[in-house]
N, C-alpha and C. Protein backbone atom coordinates (compact mmCIF):
# COMPACT_ATOMS: atom_id res chain seq x y z
N MET A 1 33.07 120.06 -95.45
CA MET A 1 34.10 119.15 -95.95
C MET A 1 34.72 118.35 -94.82
N ASP A 2 35.02 119.05 -93.70
CA ASP A 2 35.61 118.38 -92.55
C ASP A 2 34.66 117.32 -92.00
N ASP A 3 33.35 117.65 -91.98
CA ASP A 3 32.36 116.70 -91.48
C ASP A 3 32.32 115.45 -92.34
N LEU A 4 32.40 115.62 -93.65
CA LEU A 4 32.40 114.47 -94.56
C LEU A 4 33.63 113.61 -94.35
N PHE A 5 34.78 114.27 -94.11
CA PHE A 5 36.04 113.55 -93.90
C PHE A 5 35.97 112.72 -92.62
N VAL A 6 35.44 113.35 -91.54
CA VAL A 6 35.31 112.65 -90.26
C VAL A 6 34.35 111.47 -90.39
N SER A 7 33.24 111.70 -91.10
CA SER A 7 32.25 110.64 -91.29
C SER A 7 32.85 109.46 -92.05
N ALA A 8 33.67 109.79 -93.06
CA ALA A 8 34.31 108.73 -93.85
C ALA A 8 35.27 107.91 -93.00
N ILE A 9 36.01 108.61 -92.13
CA ILE A 9 36.95 107.91 -91.24
C ILE A 9 36.19 106.99 -90.29
N VAL A 10 35.07 107.49 -89.74
CA VAL A 10 34.25 106.68 -88.82
C VAL A 10 33.74 105.42 -89.51
N VAL A 11 33.28 105.59 -90.74
CA VAL A 11 32.77 104.44 -91.51
C VAL A 11 33.87 103.42 -91.75
N VAL A 12 35.05 103.89 -92.14
CA VAL A 12 36.17 102.98 -92.43
C VAL A 12 36.62 102.25 -91.17
N VAL A 13 36.76 103.01 -90.06
CA VAL A 13 37.20 102.40 -88.80
C VAL A 13 36.18 101.37 -88.32
N THR A 14 34.88 101.71 -88.43
CA THR A 14 33.83 100.77 -88.02
C THR A 14 33.89 99.49 -88.85
N ALA A 15 34.09 99.66 -90.17
CA ALA A 15 34.17 98.49 -91.06
C ALA A 15 35.36 97.62 -90.70
N LEU A 16 36.49 98.25 -90.36
CA LEU A 16 37.69 97.49 -89.98
C LEU A 16 37.47 96.72 -88.67
N ILE A 17 36.80 97.36 -87.71
CA ILE A 17 36.52 96.71 -86.43
C ILE A 17 35.60 95.51 -86.63
N VAL A 18 34.55 95.69 -87.43
CA VAL A 18 33.61 94.60 -87.70
C VAL A 18 34.33 93.44 -88.40
N ALA A 19 35.18 93.78 -89.39
CA ALA A 19 35.93 92.75 -90.11
C ALA A 19 36.86 91.99 -89.17
N ALA A 20 37.50 92.74 -88.25
CA ALA A 20 38.42 92.11 -87.29
C ALA A 20 37.66 91.16 -86.36
N ILE A 21 36.48 91.59 -85.92
CA ILE A 21 35.66 90.74 -85.04
C ILE A 21 35.27 89.44 -85.76
N PHE A 22 34.82 89.56 -87.01
CA PHE A 22 34.45 88.38 -87.79
C PHE A 22 35.64 87.46 -88.00
N PHE A 23 36.80 88.04 -88.25
CA PHE A 23 38.01 87.25 -88.48
C PHE A 23 38.40 86.48 -87.22
N ILE A 24 38.41 87.18 -86.07
CA ILE A 24 38.80 86.54 -84.82
C ILE A 24 37.80 85.46 -84.43
N THR A 25 36.48 85.78 -84.57
CA THR A 25 35.45 84.80 -84.24
C THR A 25 35.55 83.57 -85.13
N GLY A 26 35.75 83.81 -86.42
CA GLY A 26 35.87 82.69 -87.36
C GLY A 26 37.10 81.84 -87.07
N LYS A 27 38.20 82.50 -86.71
CA LYS A 27 39.44 81.78 -86.40
C LYS A 27 39.26 80.89 -85.17
N LYS A 28 38.63 81.43 -84.13
CA LYS A 28 38.39 80.65 -82.91
C LYS A 28 37.47 79.47 -83.20
N LYS A 29 36.45 79.69 -84.04
CA LYS A 29 35.52 78.62 -84.38
C LYS A 29 36.25 77.50 -85.13
N ARG A 30 37.11 77.88 -86.08
CA ARG A 30 37.87 76.87 -86.84
C ARG A 30 38.83 76.10 -85.93
N GLU A 31 39.43 76.79 -84.97
CA GLU A 31 40.35 76.13 -84.03
C GLU A 31 39.61 75.12 -83.16
N LYS A 32 38.41 75.49 -82.69
CA LYS A 32 37.62 74.58 -81.86
C LYS A 32 37.18 73.36 -82.67
N GLU A 33 36.77 73.58 -83.92
CA GLU A 33 36.37 72.47 -84.77
C GLU A 33 37.54 71.53 -85.03
N ALA A 34 38.72 72.09 -85.25
CA ALA A 34 39.92 71.28 -85.48
C ALA A 34 40.26 70.45 -84.25
N ALA A 35 40.11 71.06 -83.06
CA ALA A 35 40.41 70.35 -81.81
C ALA A 35 39.43 69.19 -81.60
N LEU A 36 38.15 69.41 -81.91
CA LEU A 36 37.16 68.34 -81.77
C LEU A 36 37.42 67.22 -82.78
N LEU A 37 37.81 67.59 -83.98
CA LEU A 37 38.13 66.59 -85.00
C LEU A 37 39.33 65.75 -84.58
N GLN A 38 40.34 66.40 -84.03
CA GLN A 38 41.52 65.68 -83.54
C GLN A 38 41.16 64.73 -82.40
N LEU A 39 40.28 65.19 -81.49
CA LEU A 39 39.83 64.34 -80.40
C LEU A 39 39.11 63.11 -80.95
N ALA A 40 38.23 63.32 -81.91
CA ALA A 40 37.49 62.21 -82.51
C ALA A 40 38.43 61.21 -83.17
N GLN A 41 39.41 61.71 -83.91
CA GLN A 41 40.36 60.83 -84.58
C GLN A 41 41.19 60.04 -83.58
N ARG A 42 41.57 60.69 -82.49
CA ARG A 42 42.39 60.04 -81.46
C ARG A 42 41.61 58.95 -80.73
N LYS A 43 40.30 59.18 -80.55
CA LYS A 43 39.47 58.23 -79.81
C LYS A 43 38.83 57.18 -80.71
N GLY A 44 38.93 57.37 -82.02
CA GLY A 44 38.30 56.43 -82.94
C GLY A 44 36.82 56.68 -83.15
N TRP A 45 36.36 57.93 -82.92
CA TRP A 45 34.97 58.29 -83.14
C TRP A 45 34.81 58.88 -84.53
N ARG A 46 33.61 58.83 -85.06
CA ARG A 46 33.32 59.44 -86.36
C ARG A 46 32.74 60.84 -86.14
N TYR A 47 33.34 61.83 -86.75
CA TYR A 47 32.91 63.22 -86.60
C TYR A 47 32.14 63.65 -87.84
N GLU A 48 30.95 64.20 -87.64
CA GLU A 48 30.12 64.69 -88.74
C GLU A 48 29.73 66.14 -88.47
N LYS A 49 30.12 67.02 -89.37
CA LYS A 49 29.73 68.42 -89.23
C LYS A 49 28.33 68.60 -89.79
N VAL A 50 27.49 69.34 -89.07
CA VAL A 50 26.10 69.56 -89.48
C VAL A 50 25.91 71.02 -89.86
N ASN A 51 25.42 71.24 -91.05
CA ASN A 51 25.10 72.59 -91.52
C ASN A 51 23.90 72.48 -92.47
N GLN A 52 22.75 72.23 -91.88
CA GLN A 52 21.55 71.97 -92.65
C GLN A 52 20.48 73.00 -92.33
N GLY A 53 20.37 74.01 -93.15
CA GLY A 53 19.37 75.04 -92.94
C GLY A 53 19.55 75.76 -91.63
N LYS A 54 18.57 75.62 -90.74
CA LYS A 54 18.59 76.32 -89.47
C LYS A 54 19.35 75.54 -88.39
N ASN A 55 19.80 74.33 -88.71
CA ASN A 55 20.53 73.51 -87.74
C ASN A 55 22.01 73.46 -88.07
N THR A 56 22.84 73.78 -87.10
CA THR A 56 24.29 73.69 -87.26
C THR A 56 24.87 72.99 -86.03
N GLY A 57 26.08 72.46 -86.21
CA GLY A 57 26.73 71.80 -85.08
C GLY A 57 27.50 70.58 -85.55
N PHE A 58 27.50 69.52 -84.74
CA PHE A 58 28.23 68.32 -85.10
C PHE A 58 27.61 67.10 -84.42
N ILE A 59 27.96 65.92 -84.97
CA ILE A 59 27.54 64.65 -84.40
C ILE A 59 28.78 63.77 -84.27
N LEU A 60 28.94 63.14 -83.11
CA LEU A 60 30.00 62.17 -82.90
C LEU A 60 29.37 60.79 -82.78
N ARG A 61 29.97 59.81 -83.45
CA ARG A 61 29.42 58.45 -83.41
C ARG A 61 30.49 57.47 -82.97
N ALA A 62 30.12 56.60 -82.04
CA ALA A 62 30.97 55.49 -81.60
C ALA A 62 30.11 54.22 -81.68
N PRO A 63 30.72 53.05 -81.60
CA PRO A 63 29.92 51.81 -81.73
C PRO A 63 28.76 51.71 -80.74
N GLU A 64 28.92 52.26 -79.52
CA GLU A 64 27.89 52.08 -78.50
C GLU A 64 27.06 53.32 -78.23
N TRP A 65 27.41 54.46 -78.82
CA TRP A 65 26.70 55.68 -78.50
C TRP A 65 26.81 56.72 -79.62
N THR A 66 25.97 57.75 -79.49
CA THR A 66 25.98 58.90 -80.41
C THR A 66 25.88 60.17 -79.58
N LEU A 67 26.63 61.19 -79.96
CA LEU A 67 26.55 62.49 -79.29
C LEU A 67 26.20 63.55 -80.33
N GLU A 68 25.10 64.26 -80.09
CA GLU A 68 24.68 65.34 -80.98
C GLU A 68 24.81 66.67 -80.25
N SER A 69 25.41 67.65 -80.91
CA SER A 69 25.46 69.01 -80.37
C SER A 69 25.00 69.94 -81.49
N LEU A 70 23.73 70.34 -81.44
CA LEU A 70 23.13 71.12 -82.51
C LEU A 70 22.57 72.43 -82.00
N VAL A 71 22.64 73.44 -82.86
CA VAL A 71 22.07 74.75 -82.55
C VAL A 71 21.01 75.06 -83.59
N TYR A 72 19.80 75.32 -83.14
CA TYR A 72 18.72 75.72 -84.04
C TYR A 72 18.60 77.23 -84.01
N SER A 73 18.77 77.87 -85.15
CA SER A 73 18.72 79.34 -85.24
C SER A 73 17.67 79.75 -86.25
N ASP A 74 16.77 80.62 -85.83
CA ASP A 74 15.72 81.12 -86.71
C ASP A 74 15.67 82.64 -86.57
N TYR A 75 16.32 83.34 -87.50
CA TYR A 75 16.36 84.79 -87.46
C TYR A 75 15.42 85.35 -88.52
N ARG A 76 14.49 86.19 -88.09
CA ARG A 76 13.54 86.80 -89.02
C ARG A 76 13.72 88.31 -88.99
N THR A 77 14.20 88.84 -90.07
CA THR A 77 14.46 90.29 -90.15
C THR A 77 13.15 91.06 -90.15
N GLY A 78 13.18 92.19 -89.46
CA GLY A 78 12.02 93.08 -89.46
C GLY A 78 10.96 92.73 -88.45
N GLU A 79 11.16 91.62 -87.70
CA GLU A 79 10.18 91.23 -86.69
C GLU A 79 10.82 91.25 -85.32
N ILE A 80 10.42 92.18 -84.48
CA ILE A 80 10.99 92.34 -83.15
C ILE A 80 10.63 91.14 -82.28
N GLY A 81 11.65 90.55 -81.64
CA GLY A 81 11.43 89.43 -80.74
C GLY A 81 11.11 88.12 -81.43
N SER A 82 11.35 88.03 -82.74
CA SER A 82 10.98 86.82 -83.47
C SER A 82 12.15 85.85 -83.66
N SER A 83 13.35 86.24 -83.25
CA SER A 83 14.51 85.38 -83.41
C SER A 83 14.52 84.29 -82.35
N THR A 84 14.88 83.08 -82.77
CA THR A 84 14.91 81.93 -81.87
C THR A 84 16.24 81.21 -81.99
N VAL A 85 16.88 80.97 -80.85
CA VAL A 85 18.11 80.18 -80.81
C VAL A 85 17.93 79.13 -79.72
N ALA A 86 18.06 77.86 -80.09
CA ALA A 86 17.89 76.76 -79.13
C ALA A 86 19.05 75.78 -79.26
N TYR A 87 19.56 75.34 -78.12
CA TYR A 87 20.69 74.41 -78.09
C TYR A 87 20.19 73.02 -77.70
N HIS A 88 20.69 72.01 -78.41
CA HIS A 88 20.30 70.62 -78.15
C HIS A 88 21.56 69.76 -78.11
N ASN A 89 21.97 69.40 -76.91
CA ASN A 89 23.12 68.51 -76.72
C ASN A 89 22.60 67.20 -76.16
N ARG A 90 22.83 66.09 -76.89
CA ARG A 90 22.29 64.80 -76.44
C ARG A 90 23.30 63.68 -76.67
N TRP A 91 23.57 62.93 -75.60
CA TRP A 91 24.33 61.68 -75.71
C TRP A 91 23.31 60.56 -75.65
N LEU A 92 23.36 59.63 -76.60
CA LEU A 92 22.33 58.60 -76.72
C LEU A 92 22.93 57.21 -76.82
N THR A 93 22.27 56.24 -76.22
CA THR A 93 22.65 54.85 -76.39
C THR A 93 21.42 53.97 -76.24
N ASP A 94 21.40 52.84 -76.95
CA ASP A 94 20.33 51.86 -76.76
C ASP A 94 20.86 50.63 -76.03
N ARG A 95 22.10 50.71 -75.54
CA ARG A 95 22.72 49.57 -74.85
C ARG A 95 22.28 49.46 -73.39
N VAL A 96 21.82 50.55 -72.82
CA VAL A 96 21.34 50.56 -71.43
C VAL A 96 19.92 51.10 -71.41
N SER A 97 18.99 50.35 -70.83
CA SER A 97 17.59 50.77 -70.81
C SER A 97 16.96 50.45 -69.45
N SER A 98 15.77 50.96 -69.24
CA SER A 98 15.03 50.71 -68.00
C SER A 98 13.89 49.75 -68.29
N THR A 99 13.80 48.70 -67.51
CA THR A 99 12.70 47.74 -67.64
C THR A 99 11.59 48.01 -66.62
N HIS A 100 11.72 49.12 -65.90
CA HIS A 100 10.74 49.48 -64.87
C HIS A 100 10.12 50.86 -65.15
N GLY A 101 9.97 51.19 -66.42
CA GLY A 101 9.38 52.48 -66.77
C GLY A 101 10.41 53.59 -66.80
N LEU A 102 9.94 54.78 -67.06
CA LEU A 102 10.82 55.94 -67.20
C LEU A 102 11.47 56.32 -65.87
N VAL A 103 12.78 56.59 -65.93
CA VAL A 103 13.53 57.10 -64.77
C VAL A 103 14.27 58.35 -65.22
N MET A 104 14.18 59.43 -64.44
CA MET A 104 14.87 60.66 -64.80
C MET A 104 15.72 61.14 -63.63
N ILE A 105 16.95 61.53 -63.94
CA ILE A 105 17.85 62.14 -62.97
C ILE A 105 18.19 63.53 -63.48
N GLY A 106 17.99 64.54 -62.66
CA GLY A 106 18.25 65.90 -63.12
C GLY A 106 18.59 66.82 -61.96
N PRO A 107 18.76 68.10 -62.25
CA PRO A 107 19.10 69.07 -61.21
C PRO A 107 18.08 69.07 -60.08
N LYS A 108 18.56 69.30 -58.88
CA LYS A 108 17.68 69.34 -57.71
C LYS A 108 16.61 70.40 -57.89
N LEU A 109 15.37 70.01 -57.71
CA LEU A 109 14.26 70.95 -57.82
C LEU A 109 13.89 71.47 -56.44
N PRO A 110 13.61 72.77 -56.32
CA PRO A 110 13.28 73.35 -55.01
C PRO A 110 11.94 72.85 -54.50
N HIS A 111 11.82 72.79 -53.18
CA HIS A 111 10.57 72.34 -52.57
C HIS A 111 10.05 73.42 -51.63
N ALA A 112 9.54 74.49 -52.20
CA ALA A 112 8.95 75.56 -51.39
C ALA A 112 7.58 75.11 -50.88
N GLN A 113 7.19 75.62 -49.74
CA GLN A 113 5.90 75.25 -49.16
C GLN A 113 4.79 76.07 -49.80
N LEU A 114 4.41 75.68 -51.00
CA LEU A 114 3.41 76.44 -51.74
C LEU A 114 2.18 75.61 -52.09
N GLY A 115 2.05 74.45 -51.49
CA GLY A 115 0.87 73.63 -51.72
C GLY A 115 0.70 73.23 -53.17
N ALA A 116 -0.52 73.41 -53.68
CA ALA A 116 -0.86 73.02 -55.05
C ALA A 116 -0.02 73.78 -56.07
N LEU A 117 0.28 75.05 -55.79
CA LEU A 117 1.08 75.84 -56.71
C LEU A 117 2.47 75.23 -56.85
N ASN A 118 3.04 74.80 -55.74
CA ASN A 118 4.36 74.18 -55.79
C ASN A 118 4.32 72.91 -56.63
N SER A 119 3.26 72.10 -56.46
CA SER A 119 3.11 70.87 -57.23
C SER A 119 3.02 71.18 -58.72
N LEU A 120 2.28 72.22 -59.08
CA LEU A 120 2.14 72.61 -60.47
C LEU A 120 3.49 73.05 -61.05
N MET A 121 4.24 73.83 -60.28
CA MET A 121 5.56 74.30 -60.72
C MET A 121 6.52 73.13 -60.93
N LEU A 122 6.47 72.15 -60.02
CA LEU A 122 7.33 70.98 -60.15
C LEU A 122 6.99 70.20 -61.40
N ARG A 123 5.72 70.05 -61.70
CA ARG A 123 5.30 69.32 -62.89
C ARG A 123 5.74 70.03 -64.16
N LYS A 124 5.64 71.35 -64.15
CA LYS A 124 6.08 72.12 -65.32
C LYS A 124 7.59 71.96 -65.52
N ALA A 125 8.35 72.01 -64.42
CA ALA A 125 9.80 71.82 -64.50
C ALA A 125 10.13 70.43 -65.02
N LEU A 126 9.40 69.43 -64.55
CA LEU A 126 9.61 68.06 -65.01
C LEU A 126 9.34 67.94 -66.50
N GLN A 127 8.26 68.55 -66.95
CA GLN A 127 7.89 68.48 -68.36
C GLN A 127 8.96 69.10 -69.24
N LEU A 128 9.55 70.21 -68.78
CA LEU A 128 10.62 70.85 -69.54
C LEU A 128 11.83 69.93 -69.65
N MET A 129 12.18 69.26 -68.56
CA MET A 129 13.35 68.37 -68.58
C MET A 129 13.08 67.10 -69.38
N LEU A 130 11.82 66.65 -69.40
CA LEU A 130 11.50 65.41 -70.11
C LEU A 130 11.41 65.60 -71.61
N GLY A 131 11.11 66.82 -72.06
CA GLY A 131 11.07 67.07 -73.50
C GLY A 131 10.01 66.25 -74.20
N ASP A 132 10.42 65.38 -75.13
CA ASP A 132 9.48 64.59 -75.92
C ASP A 132 8.63 63.64 -75.08
N GLU A 133 9.08 63.33 -73.87
CA GLU A 133 8.35 62.40 -73.01
C GLU A 133 7.60 63.13 -71.89
N ALA A 134 7.30 64.42 -72.12
CA ALA A 134 6.66 65.25 -71.09
C ALA A 134 5.31 64.70 -70.66
N ASP A 135 4.63 63.94 -71.53
CA ASP A 135 3.32 63.40 -71.19
C ASP A 135 3.39 62.37 -70.07
N GLN A 136 4.61 61.88 -69.76
CA GLN A 136 4.77 60.89 -68.71
C GLN A 136 5.07 61.51 -67.33
N ALA A 137 5.14 62.84 -67.27
CA ALA A 137 5.51 63.52 -66.02
C ALA A 137 4.56 63.20 -64.89
N ALA A 138 3.28 63.05 -65.20
CA ALA A 138 2.27 62.83 -64.16
C ALA A 138 2.47 61.50 -63.44
N SER A 139 3.11 60.55 -64.09
CA SER A 139 3.28 59.22 -63.48
C SER A 139 4.55 59.10 -62.65
N LEU A 140 5.40 60.12 -62.67
CA LEU A 140 6.67 60.06 -61.96
C LEU A 140 6.55 60.57 -60.53
N VAL A 141 7.31 59.94 -59.65
CA VAL A 141 7.36 60.32 -58.24
C VAL A 141 8.81 60.51 -57.85
N GLU A 142 9.10 61.55 -57.06
CA GLU A 142 10.49 61.75 -56.63
C GLU A 142 10.88 60.66 -55.64
N MET A 143 12.02 60.06 -55.88
CA MET A 143 12.49 58.96 -55.06
C MET A 143 13.73 59.37 -54.24
N LYS A 144 13.89 58.75 -53.10
CA LYS A 144 15.11 58.94 -52.33
C LYS A 144 16.18 58.04 -52.91
N ALA A 145 17.34 58.63 -53.21
CA ALA A 145 18.39 57.84 -53.85
C ALA A 145 19.75 58.47 -53.60
N GLY A 146 20.75 57.62 -53.46
CA GLY A 146 22.11 58.10 -53.37
C GLY A 146 22.49 58.66 -52.02
N ARG A 147 23.74 59.08 -51.96
CA ARG A 147 24.28 59.69 -50.74
C ARG A 147 23.76 61.12 -50.56
N SER A 148 23.98 61.68 -49.40
CA SER A 148 23.49 63.04 -49.13
C SER A 148 24.12 64.06 -50.09
N SER A 149 25.39 63.86 -50.42
CA SER A 149 26.07 64.78 -51.34
C SER A 149 25.44 64.72 -52.73
N PHE A 150 24.91 63.55 -53.08
CA PHE A 150 24.23 63.40 -54.37
C PHE A 150 22.85 64.05 -54.33
N SER A 151 22.08 63.77 -53.29
CA SER A 151 20.71 64.30 -53.19
C SER A 151 20.67 65.80 -53.02
N GLU A 152 21.78 66.41 -52.60
CA GLU A 152 21.85 67.87 -52.49
C GLU A 152 21.91 68.53 -53.86
N ARG A 153 22.40 67.81 -54.87
CA ARG A 153 22.55 68.37 -56.22
C ARG A 153 21.53 67.84 -57.23
N TYR A 154 21.06 66.61 -57.00
CA TYR A 154 20.21 65.96 -58.00
C TYR A 154 18.89 65.47 -57.41
N SER A 155 17.87 65.45 -58.27
CA SER A 155 16.60 64.81 -57.95
C SER A 155 16.45 63.59 -58.85
N VAL A 156 15.84 62.54 -58.32
CA VAL A 156 15.60 61.31 -59.08
C VAL A 156 14.10 61.06 -59.12
N TRP A 157 13.55 60.89 -60.32
CA TRP A 157 12.11 60.69 -60.50
C TRP A 157 11.88 59.38 -61.23
N ALA A 158 10.94 58.59 -60.75
CA ALA A 158 10.67 57.29 -61.36
C ALA A 158 9.26 56.84 -61.02
N ILE A 159 8.85 55.73 -61.61
CA ILE A 159 7.54 55.14 -61.32
C ILE A 159 7.61 54.31 -60.05
N ASN A 160 8.77 53.66 -59.85
CA ASN A 160 8.96 52.84 -58.66
C ASN A 160 10.44 52.79 -58.28
N GLN A 161 10.72 52.30 -57.10
CA GLN A 161 12.09 52.26 -56.59
C GLN A 161 12.96 51.27 -57.36
N GLU A 162 12.34 50.24 -57.91
CA GLU A 162 13.10 49.25 -58.68
C GLU A 162 13.78 49.88 -59.89
N GLY A 163 13.11 50.82 -60.51
CA GLY A 163 13.71 51.49 -61.66
C GLY A 163 14.95 52.27 -61.28
N VAL A 164 14.91 52.94 -60.12
CA VAL A 164 16.06 53.70 -59.63
C VAL A 164 17.23 52.77 -59.35
N GLU A 165 16.94 51.68 -58.66
CA GLU A 165 18.01 50.74 -58.30
C GLU A 165 18.65 50.10 -59.52
N GLN A 166 17.87 49.98 -60.59
CA GLN A 166 18.40 49.37 -61.80
C GLN A 166 19.41 50.28 -62.51
N VAL A 167 19.15 51.60 -62.56
CA VAL A 167 19.97 52.48 -63.39
C VAL A 167 20.97 53.33 -62.61
N LEU A 168 20.65 53.69 -61.37
CA LEU A 168 21.56 54.55 -60.61
C LEU A 168 22.58 53.69 -59.87
N THR A 169 23.63 53.34 -60.56
CA THR A 169 24.69 52.54 -59.96
C THR A 169 25.64 53.43 -59.17
N TYR A 170 26.46 52.81 -58.35
CA TYR A 170 27.46 53.55 -57.56
C TYR A 170 28.43 54.27 -58.49
N ASN A 171 28.77 53.62 -59.60
CA ASN A 171 29.68 54.19 -60.59
C ASN A 171 29.09 55.45 -61.22
N LEU A 172 27.80 55.39 -61.58
CA LEU A 172 27.13 56.55 -62.18
C LEU A 172 26.97 57.68 -61.17
N GLU A 173 26.65 57.33 -59.94
CA GLU A 173 26.52 58.35 -58.90
C GLU A 173 27.83 59.13 -58.72
N ASN A 174 28.94 58.41 -58.70
CA ASN A 174 30.25 59.07 -58.59
C ASN A 174 30.52 59.98 -59.78
N ALA A 175 30.17 59.51 -60.97
CA ALA A 175 30.40 60.31 -62.18
C ALA A 175 29.58 61.60 -62.14
N LEU A 176 28.34 61.53 -61.65
CA LEU A 176 27.50 62.72 -61.54
C LEU A 176 28.04 63.69 -60.50
N LEU A 177 28.59 63.16 -59.42
CA LEU A 177 29.18 64.02 -58.40
C LEU A 177 30.45 64.70 -58.90
N ARG A 178 31.13 64.09 -59.87
CA ARG A 178 32.35 64.69 -60.43
C ARG A 178 32.05 65.73 -61.51
N TRP A 179 30.81 65.85 -61.93
CA TRP A 179 30.44 66.77 -63.01
C TRP A 179 30.82 68.20 -62.64
N LYS A 180 31.56 68.87 -63.53
CA LYS A 180 32.06 70.23 -63.25
C LYS A 180 31.34 71.32 -64.03
N GLY A 181 30.56 70.95 -65.02
CA GLY A 181 29.87 71.95 -65.83
C GLY A 181 28.90 72.78 -65.02
N LYS A 182 28.67 74.02 -65.45
CA LYS A 182 27.75 74.92 -64.74
C LYS A 182 26.32 74.39 -64.79
N GLU A 183 25.95 73.83 -65.93
CA GLU A 183 24.60 73.27 -66.08
C GLU A 183 24.65 71.78 -65.77
N LEU A 184 23.87 71.35 -64.79
CA LEU A 184 23.81 69.92 -64.49
C LEU A 184 23.05 69.18 -65.58
N PRO A 185 23.47 67.98 -65.92
CA PRO A 185 22.82 67.22 -67.00
C PRO A 185 21.50 66.61 -66.56
N VAL A 186 20.69 66.26 -67.54
CA VAL A 186 19.45 65.52 -67.31
C VAL A 186 19.62 64.15 -67.96
N LEU A 187 19.39 63.09 -67.19
CA LEU A 187 19.50 61.72 -67.70
C LEU A 187 18.11 61.10 -67.73
N LYS A 188 17.76 60.48 -68.85
CA LYS A 188 16.47 59.80 -68.99
C LYS A 188 16.71 58.36 -69.40
N PHE A 189 16.17 57.44 -68.62
CA PHE A 189 16.26 56.00 -68.90
C PHE A 189 14.86 55.50 -69.24
N SER A 190 14.73 54.85 -70.38
CA SER A 190 13.43 54.30 -70.78
C SER A 190 13.66 52.95 -71.43
N ALA A 191 12.59 52.33 -71.90
CA ALA A 191 12.71 51.04 -72.56
C ALA A 191 13.51 51.14 -73.86
N ALA A 192 13.53 52.34 -74.45
CA ALA A 192 14.25 52.53 -75.72
C ALA A 192 15.74 52.76 -75.53
N GLY A 193 16.17 53.16 -74.34
CA GLY A 193 17.58 53.42 -74.12
C GLY A 193 17.79 54.55 -73.13
N THR A 194 18.96 55.18 -73.23
CA THR A 194 19.34 56.24 -72.29
C THR A 194 19.74 57.50 -73.04
N GLN A 195 19.37 58.64 -72.49
CA GLN A 195 19.73 59.94 -73.06
C GLN A 195 20.27 60.85 -71.97
N ILE A 196 21.39 61.52 -72.27
CA ILE A 196 21.94 62.56 -71.39
C ILE A 196 21.85 63.87 -72.16
N SER A 197 21.30 64.91 -71.57
CA SER A 197 21.11 66.14 -72.32
C SER A 197 21.44 67.39 -71.50
N THR A 198 21.85 68.44 -72.22
CA THR A 198 21.99 69.79 -71.68
C THR A 198 21.45 70.74 -72.74
N HIS A 199 21.03 71.94 -72.31
CA HIS A 199 20.36 72.84 -73.26
C HIS A 199 20.78 74.31 -73.14
N HIS A 200 21.73 74.63 -72.28
CA HIS A 200 22.03 76.04 -72.02
C HIS A 200 23.21 76.58 -72.83
N GLY A 201 23.69 75.84 -73.80
CA GLY A 201 24.79 76.32 -74.62
C GLY A 201 25.35 75.19 -75.46
N ARG A 202 26.14 75.54 -76.46
CA ARG A 202 26.70 74.52 -77.33
C ARG A 202 27.91 73.85 -76.68
N LEU A 203 28.19 72.63 -77.11
CA LEU A 203 29.41 71.94 -76.70
C LEU A 203 30.49 72.32 -77.70
N ASP A 204 31.30 73.30 -77.37
CA ASP A 204 32.28 73.77 -78.35
C ASP A 204 33.71 73.65 -77.87
N SER A 205 33.93 72.85 -76.84
CA SER A 205 35.31 72.64 -76.38
C SER A 205 35.54 71.15 -76.15
N VAL A 206 36.79 70.74 -76.25
CA VAL A 206 37.16 69.34 -76.02
C VAL A 206 36.76 68.91 -74.61
N GLU A 207 36.96 69.80 -73.63
CA GLU A 207 36.65 69.47 -72.25
C GLU A 207 35.16 69.20 -72.04
N GLN A 208 34.31 70.01 -72.65
CA GLN A 208 32.86 69.82 -72.51
C GLN A 208 32.42 68.51 -73.15
N VAL A 209 32.95 68.22 -74.32
CA VAL A 209 32.60 66.98 -75.01
C VAL A 209 33.07 65.77 -74.21
N GLN A 210 34.31 65.83 -73.73
CA GLN A 210 34.86 64.70 -72.98
C GLN A 210 34.07 64.45 -71.70
N GLU A 211 33.60 65.52 -71.06
CA GLU A 211 32.87 65.37 -69.81
C GLU A 211 31.55 64.63 -70.02
N ILE A 212 30.80 64.99 -71.06
CA ILE A 212 29.53 64.31 -71.29
C ILE A 212 29.75 62.89 -71.79
N VAL A 213 30.82 62.66 -72.55
CA VAL A 213 31.15 61.30 -72.98
C VAL A 213 31.55 60.44 -71.78
N ASP A 214 32.34 61.00 -70.86
CA ASP A 214 32.75 60.26 -69.66
C ASP A 214 31.52 59.86 -68.84
N LEU A 215 30.55 60.77 -68.74
CA LEU A 215 29.32 60.45 -68.01
C LEU A 215 28.58 59.32 -68.71
N GLY A 216 28.55 59.40 -70.03
CA GLY A 216 27.90 58.33 -70.80
C GLY A 216 28.60 56.99 -70.60
N MET A 217 29.91 57.00 -70.54
CA MET A 217 30.66 55.76 -70.32
C MET A 217 30.36 55.17 -68.95
N ALA A 218 30.08 56.04 -67.97
CA ALA A 218 29.69 55.57 -66.64
C ALA A 218 28.34 54.87 -66.70
N VAL A 219 27.45 55.37 -67.55
CA VAL A 219 26.16 54.71 -67.76
C VAL A 219 26.37 53.33 -68.36
N LEU A 220 27.22 53.25 -69.36
CA LEU A 220 27.49 51.97 -70.02
C LEU A 220 28.20 50.97 -69.12
N ALA A 221 29.04 51.50 -68.23
CA ALA A 221 29.80 50.62 -67.34
C ALA A 221 28.92 49.94 -66.30
N GLY A 222 27.78 50.57 -65.99
CA GLY A 222 26.86 49.99 -65.03
C GLY A 222 27.35 50.02 -63.60
């Protein structure tokens, strides 16, 4: 009898703890959504909540740009290691483009003395950062660009130096140096426009959203 009583108490306490966790998590999520909505209203942006099947998140729209912050979740019960969670944060504009082929600015890539293996690793890293345009990685060459403080944090890849000079303005270089996020952004300039992306977590705070928007505004400012 005592064992049954103790077991019942454990079950009840566990249920209360789980309920409390869900309540607190849900409350924090609603507060963050409200803060982002208020930011959008204050700035004159259009806020769209996304909850479509496996994709959740939000989209912000302004006359010159769009910001998407989406989480793709695929949970399959009963299959070990089959769950997938992927984050896609993208600031997009067609107002600024490259007329000299693809240009990419991203986190500094290491240059270990590994010969062909090092070259292969660099290409794989480039392909990951390029995403949909990974097939163009073979045509890109790392270029010297910016001040020493910039080149210590970022690598610039392009087909030619003219492309770098066209998109990497002094204003944009300063904005990239001011970036405070743990994950450095990846910028891609092509004939279709410009994209700024991060993939290591959702944009769920006003500060994170404002930072990527500010970087985008530096792109637009030229």
